[in-house]
Amino acid sequence: MFDVVTGGAGFIGSHLVDALVTQGDEVLVIDSFCGGRKENIARHLESGRARLVQCDLLDDGWQASLKGADRVYHLAADPDVRQSAMTPDPTFRNNIVATYRVLEAMRAGNVPELVFTSTSTVYGNAAVIPTPENYSPLEPVSVYGASKLACEALISSYCHSFGMRSWQFRFANIIGARSGHGVITDFVRKLRENAGELEILGDGKQTKSYLEISECIAAMQFAISHSREPVNTYNIGSEDWIDVKTIADVVAEEMRLPAVQYRFTGGALGWVGDVPKMQLSIERLKALGWKPQKGSRESVRMAVQAAVRGV
């Protein structure tokens, strides 16, 4: 099996590369290192079990490397939900335009299958929680969520127009070792700068689902091997949720800072485009035969421990 992984040096991408190499696949990583880190995949490059094309998907020169691939895992994206509300153009270009370019390169190279990492934010402020894949209307409240929904539509059209097959995974908050952004990373950074006080965006009551990275990769691989429709869309998350203040408590506990004072910025939203209540229904994935072994609390604890260790 010859796999191409865009964004393969990033948080989720590098864990996916680990799994693909472990199962014996030939792996090509395409990454610009604007968000990913070469050290995340260095051991695979050194062993020759993975190859690297260092390139931005918005530039040219990488397209021919897709020829002969069995599957593309398209993970490269601009993941910053907050920043997308202030400067939308990078999100539009790095998510929508880059995905279009990947699809065109696949079409030219006759690559039959695509795996795409989408997001729970395509649902917006859903009225049904846990939210199933067939929920409507899909009304994203962030430019980031809108960009991912646009990518899903593009991918669906290419599958039906050009005979491709895709898997589109709508993630809850995926956390763990190598993560470079998100609430846990933010809290650890802030407390290292000021151990006495922690700023918490919003009112701290935002409640969401979290899943540890190894569970996410296992879910992706299981769904890919057990579904064969032209377009296969699955939520991936845990079956519970946790609020932001509790996450802060876990971070303070793991950093051994019992006297931290919390300072809330106020309001139900942490930032423009925030979804304060989110839990995905994973009944479709469970019907295939997979369910997570870890819940949000255990996932958060493991991710905090990794962040405190600096891994």
C-alpha atoms as a PDB file:
ATOM      1  CA  MET A   1       0.000   0.000   0.000  1.00  0.00           C
ATOM      2  CA  PHE A   2       1.372   3.403  -1.019  1.00  0.00           C
ATOM      3  CA  ASP A   3      -0.010   6.211   1.157  1.00  0.00           C
ATOM      4  CA  VAL A   4       0.483   9.959   0.815  1.00  0.00           C
ATOM      5  CA  VAL A   5      -0.085  12.013   3.971  1.00  0.00           C
ATOM      6  CA  THR A   6      -0.387  15.783   3.599  1.00  0.00           C
ATOM      7  CA  GLY A   7       0.401  17.510   6.871  1.00  0.00           C
ATOM      8  CA  GLY A   8       2.089  14.300   7.982  1.00  0.00           C
ATOM      9  CA  ALA A   9       4.546  16.066  10.290  1.00  0.00           C
ATOM     10  CA  GLY A  10       1.765  17.708  12.289  1.00  0.00           C
ATOM     11  CA  PHE A  11       0.026  16.532  15.451  1.00  0.00           C
ATOM     12  CA  ILE A  12      -2.575  14.124  14.055  1.00  0.00           C
ATOM     13  CA  GLY A  13      -0.639  13.532  10.836  1.00  0.00           C
ATOM     14  CA  SER A  14       2.505  12.262  12.549  1.00  0.00           C
ATOM     15  CA  HIS A  15       0.526   9.826  14.689  1.00  0.00           C
ATOM     16  CA  LEU A  16      -1.156   8.583  11.528  1.00  0.00           C
ATOM     17  CA  VAL A  17       2.252   8.152   9.871  1.00  0.00           C
ATOM     18  CA  ASP A  18       3.348   6.099  12.893  1.00  0.00           C
ATOM     19  CA  ALA A  19       0.376   3.773  12.384  1.00  0.00           C
ATOM     20  CA  LEU A  20       0.817   3.452   8.622  1.00  0.00           C
ATOM     21  CA  VAL A  21       4.534   2.696   8.934  1.00  0.00           C
ATOM     22  CA  THR A  22       3.792   0.139  11.658  1.00  0.00           C
ATOM     23  CA  GLN A  23       1.409  -1.743   9.373  1.00  0.00           C
ATOM     24  CA  GLY A  24       4.074  -1.870   6.672  1.00  0.00           C
ATOM     25  CA  ASP A  25       2.788   0.720   4.190  1.00  0.00           C
ATOM     26  CA  GLU A  26       4.988   2.824   1.963  1.00  0.00           C
ATOM     27  CA  VAL A  27       4.463   6.381   3.184  1.00  0.00           C
ATOM     28  CA  LEU A  28       5.150   9.725   1.539  1.00  0.00           C
ATOM     29  CA  VAL A  29       4.716  12.830   3.709  1.00  0.00           C
ATOM     30  CA  ILE A  30       4.026  16.222   2.151  1.00  0.00           C
ATOM     31  CA  ASP A  31       4.518  19.030   4.655  1.00  0.00           C
ATOM     32  CA  SER A  32       5.682  22.648   4.588  1.00  0.00           C
ATOM     33  CA  PHE A  33       6.580  22.628   8.318  1.00  0.00           C
ATOM     34  CA  CYS A  34       4.611  25.820   8.904  1.00  0.00           C
ATOM     35  CA  GLY A  35       2.761  23.923  11.625  1.00  0.00           C
ATOM     36  CA  GLY A  36       4.307  20.458  11.663  1.00  0.00           C
ATOM     37  CA  ARG A  37       7.724  19.497  12.997  1.00  0.00           C
ATOM     38  CA  LYS A  38      10.259  17.337  11.213  1.00  0.00           C
ATOM     39  CA  GLU A  39      11.241  15.733  14.509  1.00  0.00           C
ATOM     40  CA  ASN A  40       7.772  14.146  14.688  1.00  0.00           C
ATOM     41  CA  ILE A  41       8.612  11.876  11.753  1.00  0.00           C
ATOM     42  CA  ALA A  42      12.432  11.964  11.852  1.00  0.00           C
ATOM     43  CA  ARG A  43      12.862   8.336  12.897  1.00  0.00           C
ATOM     44  CA  HIS A  44      10.790   7.129   9.935  1.00  0.00           C
ATOM     45  CA  LEU A  45      12.744   9.292   7.508  1.00  0.00           C
ATOM     46  CA  GLU A  46      16.053   8.067   8.927  1.00  0.00           C
ATOM     47  CA  SER A  47      14.976   4.419   8.686  1.00  0.00           C
ATOM     48  CA  GLY A  48      13.771   4.896   5.118  1.00  0.00           C
ATOM     49  CA  ARG A  49      10.269   3.748   6.012  1.00  0.00           C
ATOM     50  CA  ALA A  50       8.844   7.134   5.040  1.00  0.00           C
ATOM     51  CA  ARG A  51       9.834   9.762   2.486  1.00  0.00           C
ATOM     52  CA  LEU A  52       9.335  13.516   2.602  1.00  0.00           C
ATOM     53  CA  VAL A  53       8.407  16.177   0.090  1.00  0.00           C
ATOM     54  CA  GLN A  54       8.806  19.550   1.807  1.00  0.00           C
ATOM     55  CA  CYS A  55       6.391  21.827  -0.018  1.00  0.00           C
ATOM     56  CA  ASP A  56       3.374  24.064   0.470  1.00  0.00           C
ATOM     57  CA  LEU A  57       0.256  22.694  -1.224  1.00  0.00           C
ATOM     58  CA  LEU A  58      -0.401  26.174  -2.604  1.00  0.00           C
ATOM     59  CA  ASP A  59       2.877  25.964  -4.520  1.00  0.00           C
ATOM     60  CA  ASP A  60       3.735  23.599  -7.357  1.00  0.00           C
ATOM     61  CA  GLY A  61       6.188  20.725  -7.538  1.00  0.00           C
ATOM     62  CA  TRP A  62       4.522  18.127  -5.335  1.00  0.00           C
ATOM     63  CA  GLN A  63       1.688  16.987  -7.609  1.00  0.00           C
ATOM     64  CA  ALA A  64       3.662  14.367  -9.561  1.00  0.00           C
ATOM     65  CA  SER A  65       4.595  12.614  -6.307  1.00  0.00           C
ATOM     66  CA  LEU A  66       0.966  11.428  -5.957  1.00  0.00           C
ATOM     67  CA  LYS A  67       1.195   9.291  -9.099  1.00  0.00           C
ATOM     68  CA  GLY A  68       0.880   5.617  -8.221  1.00  0.00           C
ATOM     69  CA  ALA A  69      -0.492   6.252  -4.744  1.00  0.00           C
ATOM     70  CA  ASP A  70      -3.292   4.032  -3.470  1.00  0.00           C
ATOM     71  CA  ARG A  71      -4.653   6.571  -1.007  1.00  0.00           C
ATOM     72  CA  VAL A  72      -4.150  10.173   0.040  1.00  0.00           C
ATOM     73  CA  TYR A  73      -4.708  11.188   3.659  1.00  0.00           C
ATOM     74  CA  HIS A  74      -5.319  14.923   3.448  1.00  0.00           C
ATOM     75  CA  LEU A  75      -4.643  16.416   6.873  1.00  0.00           C
ATOM     76  CA  ALA A  76      -2.817  19.617   5.921  1.00  0.00           C
ATOM     77  CA  ALA A  77      -4.918  22.613   6.977  1.00  0.00           C
ATOM     78  CA  ASP A  78      -4.990  25.847   8.911  1.00  0.00           C
ATOM     79  CA  PRO A  79      -6.470  24.656  12.240  1.00  0.00           C
ATOM     80  CA  ASP A  80      -6.817  27.988  14.057  1.00  0.00           C
ATOM     81  CA  VAL A  81     -10.537  28.579  14.642  1.00  0.00           C
ATOM     82  CA  ARG A  82     -10.006  31.835  16.546  1.00  0.00           C
ATOM     83  CA  GLN A  83      -7.649  33.350  13.986  1.00  0.00           C
ATOM     84  CA  SER A  84     -10.044  32.541  11.137  1.00  0.00           C
ATOM     85  CA  ALA A  85     -12.462  35.143  12.547  1.00  0.00           C
ATOM     86  CA  MET A  86      -9.793  37.853  12.315  1.00  0.00           C
ATOM     87  CA  THR A  87      -7.969  36.955   9.092  1.00  0.00           C
ATOM     88  CA  PRO A  88     -10.128  34.589   6.992  1.00  0.00           C
ATOM     89  CA  ASP A  89      -7.907  34.515   3.889  1.00  0.00           C
ATOM     90  CA  PRO A  90      -5.275  32.024   5.185  1.00  0.00           C
ATOM     91  CA  THR A  91      -8.076  29.650   6.232  1.00  0.00           C
ATOM     92  CA  PHE A  92      -9.726  29.919   2.818  1.00  0.00           C
ATOM     93  CA  ARG A  93      -6.481  29.326   0.945  1.00  0.00           C
ATOM     94  CA  ASN A  94      -4.922  26.658   3.174  1.00  0.00           C
ATOM     95  CA  ASN A  95      -8.142  24.685   3.574  1.00  0.00           C
ATOM     96  CA  ILE A  96     -10.401  25.144   0.540  1.00  0.00           C
ATOM     97  CA  VAL A  97      -7.909  26.020  -2.200  1.00  0.00           C
ATOM     98  CA  ALA A  98      -5.354  23.470  -0.978  1.00  0.00           C
ATOM     99  CA  THR A  99      -8.007  20.728  -0.897  1.00  0.00           C
ATOM    100  CA  TYR A 100      -9.061  21.568  -4.455  1.00  0.00           C
ATOM    101  CA  ARG A 101      -5.420  21.306  -5.547  1.00  0.00           C
ATOM    102  CA  VAL A 102      -5.065  17.918  -3.846  1.00  0.00           C
ATOM    103  CA  LEU A 103      -8.198  16.657  -5.594  1.00  0.00           C
ATOM    104  CA  GLU A 104      -6.926  17.871  -8.955  1.00  0.00           C
ATOM    105  CA  ALA A 105      -3.559  16.185  -8.385  1.00  0.00           C
ATOM    106  CA  MET A 106      -5.371  12.971  -7.470  1.00  0.00           C
ATOM    107  CA  ARG A 107      -7.482  13.189 -10.622  1.00  0.00           C
ATOM    108  CA  ALA A 108      -4.397  13.701 -12.781  1.00  0.00           C
ATOM    109  CA  GLY A 109      -2.530  10.880 -11.064  1.00  0.00           C
ATOM    110  CA  ASN A 110      -5.475   8.454 -10.967  1.00  0.00           C
ATOM    111  CA  VAL A 111      -5.381   8.142  -7.176  1.00  0.00           C
ATOM    112  CA  PRO A 112      -8.612   6.349  -6.189  1.00  0.00           C
ATOM    113  CA  GLU A 113      -9.074   7.085  -2.469  1.00  0.00           C
ATOM    114  CA  LEU A 114      -8.971  10.092  -0.155  1.00  0.00           C
ATOM    115  CA  VAL A 115      -9.209  10.360   3.623  1.00  0.00           C
ATOM    116  CA  PHE A 116     -10.103  13.847   4.839  1.00  0.00           C
ATOM    117  CA  THR A 117     -10.029  15.211   8.381  1.00  0.00           C
ATOM    118  CA  SER A 118     -13.025  17.459   8.937  1.00  0.00           C
ATOM    119  CA  THR A 119     -14.405  18.883  12.174  1.00  0.00           C
ATOM    120  CA  SER A 120     -17.347  19.044  14.542  1.00  0.00           C
ATOM    121  CA  THR A 121     -17.569  22.774  13.801  1.00  0.00           C
ATOM    122  CA  VAL A 122     -19.379  22.043  10.513  1.00  0.00           C
ATOM    123  CA  TYR A 123     -22.498  21.587  12.689  1.00  0.00           C
ATOM    124  CA  GLY A 124     -22.335  25.055  14.225  1.00  0.00           C
ATOM    125  CA  ASN A 125     -24.473  25.455  17.354  1.00  0.00           C
ATOM    126  CA  ALA A 126     -26.406  22.232  16.864  1.00  0.00           C
ATOM    127  CA  ALA A 127     -29.860  21.938  18.430  1.00  0.00           C
ATOM    128  CA  VAL A 128     -29.422  18.160  18.778  1.00  0.00           C
ATOM    129  CA  ILE A 129     -26.699  16.926  21.141  1.00  0.00           C
ATOM    130  CA  PRO A 130     -25.096  14.387  20.738  1.00  0.00           C
ATOM    131  CA  THR A 131     -25.102  15.483  17.108  1.00  0.00           C
ATOM    132  CA  PRO A 132     -25.423  12.803  14.387  1.00  0.00           C
ATOM    133  CA  GLU A 133     -23.888  12.942  10.923  1.00  0.00           C
ATOM    134  CA  ASN A 134     -27.279  13.518   9.270  1.00  0.00           C
ATOM    135  CA  TYR A 135     -28.060  16.603  11.377  1.00  0.00           C
ATOM    136  CA  SER A 136     -29.261  19.626   9.452  1.00  0.00           C
ATOM    137  CA  PRO A 137     -29.095  22.458   8.707  1.00  0.00           C
ATOM    138  CA  LEU A 138     -25.316  22.645   8.750  1.00  0.00           C
ATOM    139  CA  GLU A 139     -24.668  26.252   9.760  1.00  0.00           C
ATOM    140  CA  PRO A 140     -21.014  26.773  10.773  1.00  0.00           C
ATOM    141  CA  VAL A 141     -20.393  29.770  13.021  1.00  0.00           C
ATOM    142  CA  SER A 142     -16.673  30.049  12.226  1.00  0.00           C
ATOM    143  CA  VAL A 143     -14.807  30.568   8.972  1.00  0.00           C
ATOM    144  CA  TYR A 144     -12.801  27.470   9.887  1.00  0.00           C
ATOM    145  CA  GLY A 145     -15.951  25.336  10.150  1.00  0.00           C
ATOM    146  CA  ALA A 146     -17.256  26.783   6.884  1.00  0.00           C
ATOM    147  CA  SER A 147     -13.989  25.985   5.120  1.00  0.00           C
ATOM    148  CA  LYS A 148     -14.113  22.360   6.231  1.00  0.00           C
ATOM    149  CA  LEU A 149     -17.736  22.019   5.115  1.00  0.00           C
ATOM    150  CA  ALA A 150     -16.801  23.466   1.727  1.00  0.00           C
ATOM    151  CA  CYS A 151     -14.006  20.891   1.479  1.00  0.00           C
ATOM    152  CA  GLU A 152     -16.451  18.093   2.260  1.00  0.00           C
ATOM    153  CA  ALA A 153     -18.710  19.271  -0.564  1.00  0.00           C
ATOM    154  CA  LEU A 154     -15.802  19.454  -3.019  1.00  0.00           C
ATOM    155  CA  ILE A 155     -14.638  15.972  -2.089  1.00  0.00           C
ATOM    156  CA  SER A 156     -18.133  14.546  -2.462  1.00  0.00           C
ATOM    157  CA  SER A 157     -18.444  16.068  -5.928  1.00  0.00           C
ATOM    158  CA  TYR A 158     -15.109  14.611  -7.060  1.00  0.00           C
ATOM    159  CA  CYS A 159     -16.045  11.162  -5.740  1.00  0.00           C
ATOM    160  CA  HIS A 160     -19.297  11.127  -7.696  1.00  0.00           C
ATOM    161  CA  SER A 161     -17.901  12.861 -10.787  1.00  0.00           C
ATOM    162  CA  PHE A 162     -14.585  11.055 -11.152  1.00  0.00           C
ATOM    163  CA  GLY A 163     -15.081   7.657  -9.522  1.00  0.00           C
ATOM    164  CA  MET A 164     -13.101   8.299  -6.349  1.00  0.00           C
ATOM    165  CA  ARG A 165     -13.880   7.031  -2.859  1.00  0.00           C
ATOM    166  CA  SER A 166     -13.522   9.112   0.300  1.00  0.00           C
ATOM    167  CA  TRP A 167     -13.757   8.948   4.059  1.00  0.00           C
ATOM    168  CA  GLN A 168     -14.569  12.230   5.810  1.00  0.00           C
ATOM    169  CA  PHE A 169     -14.040  12.271   9.555  1.00  0.00           C
ATOM    170  CA  ARG A 170     -15.676  14.957  11.663  1.00  0.00           C
ATOM    171  CA  PHE A 171     -13.515  15.201  14.750  1.00  0.00           C
ATOM    172  CA  ALA A 172     -14.382  16.255  18.263  1.00  0.00           C
ATOM    173  CA  ASN A 173     -11.415  17.818  20.107  1.00  0.00           C
ATOM    174  CA  ILE A 174      -8.509  15.464  19.451  1.00  0.00           C
ATOM    175  CA  ILE A 175      -5.757  15.848  22.040  1.00  0.00           C
ATOM    176  CA  GLY A 176      -2.521  14.220  23.159  1.00  0.00           C
ATOM    177  CA  ALA A 177       1.242  14.150  22.708  1.00  0.00           C
ATOM    178  CA  ARG A 178       2.692  16.475  20.009  1.00  0.00           C
ATOM    179  CA  SER A 179      -0.330  18.777  20.041  1.00  0.00           C
ATOM    180  CA  GLY A 180       0.702  22.363  19.401  1.00  0.00           C
ATOM    181  CA  HIS A 181      -2.563  24.228  19.973  1.00  0.00           C
ATOM    182  CA  GLY A 182      -5.824  24.081  21.886  1.00  0.00           C
ATOM    183  CA  VAL A 183      -7.030  24.752  25.394  1.00  0.00           C
ATOM    184  CA  ILE A 184      -4.585  22.399  27.157  1.00  0.00           C
ATOM    185  CA  THR A 185      -1.524  23.786  25.392  1.00  0.00           C
ATOM    186  CA  ASP A 186      -2.830  27.298  26.049  1.00  0.00           C
ATOM    187  CA  PHE A 187      -3.315  26.666  29.782  1.00  0.00           C
ATOM    188  CA  VAL A 188       0.101  25.055  30.247  1.00  0.00           C
ATOM    189  CA  ARG A 189       1.807  27.941  28.442  1.00  0.00           C
ATOM    190  CA  LYS A 190      -0.030  30.581  30.470  1.00  0.00           C
ATOM    191  CA  LEU A 191       0.757  28.906  33.801  1.00  0.00           C
ATOM    192  CA  ARG A 192       4.425  28.616  32.917  1.00  0.00           C
ATOM    193  CA  GLU A 193       4.422  32.362  32.317  1.00  0.00           C
ATOM    194  CA  ASN A 194       2.409  33.159  35.469  1.00  0.00           C
ATOM    195  CA  ALA A 195       1.903  30.336  37.972  1.00  0.00           C
ATOM    196  CA  GLY A 196      -0.373  32.434  40.166  1.00  0.00           C
ATOM    197  CA  GLU A 197      -3.182  33.275  37.763  1.00  0.00           C
ATOM    198  CA  LEU A 198      -4.826  31.594  34.778  1.00  0.00           C
ATOM    199  CA  GLU A 199      -6.893  33.491  32.242  1.00  0.00           C
ATOM    200  CA  ILE A 200      -9.825  31.387  31.015  1.00  0.00           C
ATOM    201  CA  LEU A 201     -11.606  32.632  27.904  1.00  0.00           C
ATOM    202  CA  GLY A 202     -15.363  32.892  28.406  1.00  0.00           C
ATOM    203  CA  ASP A 203     -17.094  31.728  31.582  1.00  0.00           C
ATOM    204  CA  GLY A 204     -15.358  28.347  31.874  1.00  0.00           C
ATOM    205  CA  LYS A 205     -18.629  26.499  31.393  1.00  0.00           C
ATOM    206  CA  GLN A 206     -18.003  25.613  27.751  1.00  0.00           C
ATOM    207  CA  THR A 207     -18.534  21.867  27.628  1.00  0.00           C
ATOM    208  CA  LYS A 208     -17.138  19.684  24.867  1.00  0.00           C
ATOM    209  CA  SER A 209     -16.071  16.190  23.911  1.00  0.00           C
ATOM    210  CA  TYR A 210     -12.380  15.251  23.892  1.00  0.00           C
ATOM    211  CA  LEU A 211     -10.634  12.155  22.548  1.00  0.00           C
ATOM    212  CA  GLU A 212      -7.029  11.015  22.942  1.00  0.00           C
ATOM    213  CA  ILE A 213      -5.051  10.783  19.697  1.00  0.00           C
ATOM    214  CA  SER A 214      -4.423   7.015  19.702  1.00  0.00           C
ATOM    215  CA  GLU A 215      -8.186   6.422  19.897  1.00  0.00           C
ATOM    216  CA  CYS A 216      -8.729   8.793  16.978  1.00  0.00           C
ATOM    217  CA  ILE A 217      -6.223   6.990  14.753  1.00  0.00           C
ATOM    218  CA  ALA A 218      -7.730   3.611  15.662  1.00  0.00           C
ATOM    219  CA  ALA A 219     -11.209   4.881  14.787  1.00  0.00           C
ATOM    220  CA  MET A 220     -10.047   6.190  11.420  1.00  0.00           C
ATOM    221  CA  GLN A 221      -8.359   2.925  10.484  1.00  0.00           C
ATOM    222  CA  PHE A 222     -11.355   0.862  11.591  1.00  0.00           C
ATOM    223  CA  ALA A 223     -13.831   2.943   9.604  1.00  0.00           C
ATOM    224  CA  ILE A 224     -11.666   2.836   6.479  1.00  0.00           C
ATOM    225  CA  SER A 225     -11.444  -0.941   6.605  1.00  0.00           C
ATOM    226  CA  HIS A 226     -15.169  -1.444   7.289  1.00  0.00           C
ATOM    227  CA  SER A 227     -16.933   0.985   4.914  1.00  0.00           C
ATOM    228  CA  ARG A 228     -16.840   1.193   1.109  1.00  0.00           C
ATOM    229  CA  GLU A 229     -19.427   3.722  -0.045  1.00  0.00           C
ATOM    230  CA  PRO A 230     -18.316   6.401  -2.526  1.00  0.00           C
ATOM    231  CA  VAL A 231     -18.485   8.956   0.324  1.00  0.00           C
ATOM    232  CA  ASN A 232     -18.203   7.717   3.915  1.00  0.00           C
ATOM    233  CA  THR A 233     -18.781  10.324   6.629  1.00  0.00           C
ATOM    234  CA  TYR A 234     -18.221   9.559  10.312  1.00  0.00           C
ATOM    235  CA  ASN A 235     -18.071  11.492  13.552  1.00  0.00           C
ATOM    236  CA  ILE A 236     -15.124  10.615  15.796  1.00  0.00           C
ATOM    237  CA  GLY A 237     -15.244  11.556  19.458  1.00  0.00           C
ATOM    238  CA  SER A 238     -15.925  10.268  22.941  1.00  0.00           C
ATOM    239  CA  GLU A 239     -19.310   9.512  24.472  1.00  0.00           C
ATOM    240  CA  ASP A 240     -19.059  12.159  27.180  1.00  0.00           C
ATOM    241  CA  TRP A 241     -17.831  15.704  27.670  1.00  0.00           C
ATOM    242  CA  ILE A 242     -15.978  17.950  30.088  1.00  0.00           C
ATOM    243  CA  ASP A 243     -16.086  21.679  30.844  1.00  0.00           C
ATOM    244  CA  VAL A 244     -13.213  24.129  30.495  1.00  0.00           C
ATOM    245  CA  LYS A 245     -12.952  24.903  34.212  1.00  0.00           C
ATOM    246  CA  THR A 246     -12.485  21.194  34.974  1.00  0.00           C
ATOM    247  CA  ILE A 247      -9.728  21.052  32.351  1.00  0.00           C
ATOM    248  CA  ALA A 248      -8.077  23.999  34.125  1.00  0.00           C
ATOM    249  CA  ASP A 249      -8.319  22.070  37.405  1.00  0.00           C
ATOM    250  CA  VAL A 250      -6.578  19.070  35.834  1.00  0.00           C
ATOM    251  CA  VAL A 251      -3.817  21.250  34.381  1.00  0.00           C
ATOM    252  CA  ALA A 252      -3.225  22.985  37.730  1.00  0.00           C
ATOM    253  CA  GLU A 253      -3.175  19.625  39.522  1.00  0.00           C
ATOM    254  CA  GLU A 254      -0.707  18.033  37.081  1.00  0.00           C
ATOM    255  CA  MET A 255       1.530  21.124  37.263  1.00  0.00           C
ATOM    256  CA  ARG A 256       1.324  20.993  41.079  1.00  0.00           C
ATOM    257  CA  LEU A 257      -0.070  24.515  41.375  1.00  0.00           C
ATOM    258  CA  PRO A 258      -2.793  24.298  44.052  1.00  0.00           C
ATOM    259  CA  ALA A 259      -3.109  28.063  44.597  1.00  0.00           C
ATOM    260  CA  VAL A 260      -3.878  29.167  41.034  1.00  0.00           C
ATOM    261  CA  GLN A 261      -6.504  31.891  40.752  1.00  0.00           C
ATOM    262  CA  TYR A 262      -8.800  31.758  37.732  1.00  0.00           C
ATOM    263  CA  ARG A 263      -9.685  34.910  35.827  1.00  0.00           C
ATOM    264  CA  PHE A 264     -12.616  34.526  33.417  1.00  0.00           C
ATOM    265  CA  THR A 265     -13.042  36.885  30.479  1.00  0.00           C
ATOM    266  CA  GLY A 266     -16.819  36.407  30.681  1.00  0.00           C
ATOM    267  CA  GLY A 267     -19.634  35.404  28.363  1.00  0.00           C
ATOM    268  CA  ALA A 268     -20.750  32.008  27.097  1.00  0.00           C
ATOM    269  CA  LEU A 269     -18.325  32.159  24.154  1.00  0.00           C
ATOM    270  CA  GLY A 270     -14.567  31.909  24.563  1.00  0.00           C
ATOM    271  CA  TRP A 271     -14.043  33.699  21.245  1.00  0.00           C
ATOM    272  CA  VAL A 272     -15.856  34.605  18.029  1.00  0.00           C
ATOM    273  CA  GLY A 273     -16.792  31.329  16.334  1.00  0.00           C
ATOM    274  CA  ASP A 274     -16.628  29.259  19.529  1.00  0.00           C
ATOM    275  CA  VAL A 275     -19.227  26.513  19.991  1.00  0.00           C
ATOM    276  CA  PRO A 276     -19.861  26.362  23.762  1.00  0.00           C
ATOM    277  CA  LYS A 277     -21.648  22.986  23.791  1.00  0.00           C
ATOM    278  CA  MET A 278     -20.440  20.119  21.617  1.00  0.00           C
ATOM    279  CA  GLN A 279     -20.752  16.369  21.743  1.00  0.00           C
ATOM    280  CA  LEU A 280     -20.888  14.189  18.654  1.00  0.00           C
ATOM    281  CA  SER A 281     -23.023  11.102  18.235  1.00  0.00           C
ATOM    282  CA  ILE A 282     -20.788   8.170  17.310  1.00  0.00           C
ATOM    283  CA  GLU A 283     -23.632   5.691  16.803  1.00  0.00           C
ATOM    284  CA  ARG A 284     -22.775   5.322  13.101  1.00  0.00           C
ATOM    285  CA  LEU A 285     -19.208   4.345  13.975  1.00  0.00           C
ATOM    286  CA  LYS A 286     -20.374   2.044  16.758  1.00  0.00           C
ATOM    287  CA  ALA A 287     -22.682   0.297  14.291  1.00  0.00           C
ATOM    288  CA  LEU A 288     -19.549  -0.692  12.351  1.00  0.00           C
ATOM    289  CA  GLY A 289     -18.173  -2.283  15.523  1.00  0.00           C
ATOM    290  CA  TRP A 290     -15.878   0.389  17.014  1.00  0.00           C
ATOM    291  CA  LYS A 291     -16.210   2.457  20.181  1.00  0.00           C
ATOM    292  CA  PRO A 292     -13.648   4.433  22.205  1.00  0.00           C
ATOM    293  CA  GLN A 293     -11.964   2.896  25.215  1.00  0.00           C
ATOM    294  CA  LYS A 294     -11.262   6.287  26.799  1.00  0.00           C
ATOM    295  CA  GLY A 295     -13.632   9.097  27.717  1.00  0.00           C
ATOM    296  CA  SER A 296     -13.074  12.844  27.796  1.00  0.00           C
ATOM    297  CA  ARG A 297     -11.711  12.964  31.336  1.00  0.00           C
ATOM    298  CA  GLU A 298      -9.124  10.242  30.823  1.00  0.00           C
ATOM    299  CA  SER A 299      -8.174  11.729  27.457  1.00  0.00           C
ATOM    300  CA  VAL A 300      -7.709  15.176  29.025  1.00  0.00           C
ATOM    301  CA  ARG A 301      -5.602  13.773  31.865  1.00  0.00           C
ATOM    302  CA  MET A 302      -3.307  11.937  29.432  1.00  0.00           C
ATOM    303  CA  ALA A 303      -2.992  14.983  27.174  1.00  0.00           C
ATOM    304  CA  VAL A 304      -2.187  17.287  30.102  1.00  0.00           C
ATOM    305  CA  GLN A 305       0.502  14.915  31.325  1.00  0.00           C
ATOM    306  CA  ALA A 306       2.058  14.866  27.847  1.00  0.00           C
ATOM    307  CA  ALA A 307       1.918  18.675  27.599  1.00  0.00           C
ATOM    308  CA  VAL A 308       3.526  19.120  31.022  1.00  0.00           C
ATOM    309  CA  ARG A 309       6.311  16.724  30.004  1.00  0.00           C
ATOM    310  CA  GLY A 310       6.744  18.704  26.807  1.00  0.00           C
ATOM    311  CA  VAL A 311       6.064  15.817  24.412  1.00  0.00           C
END
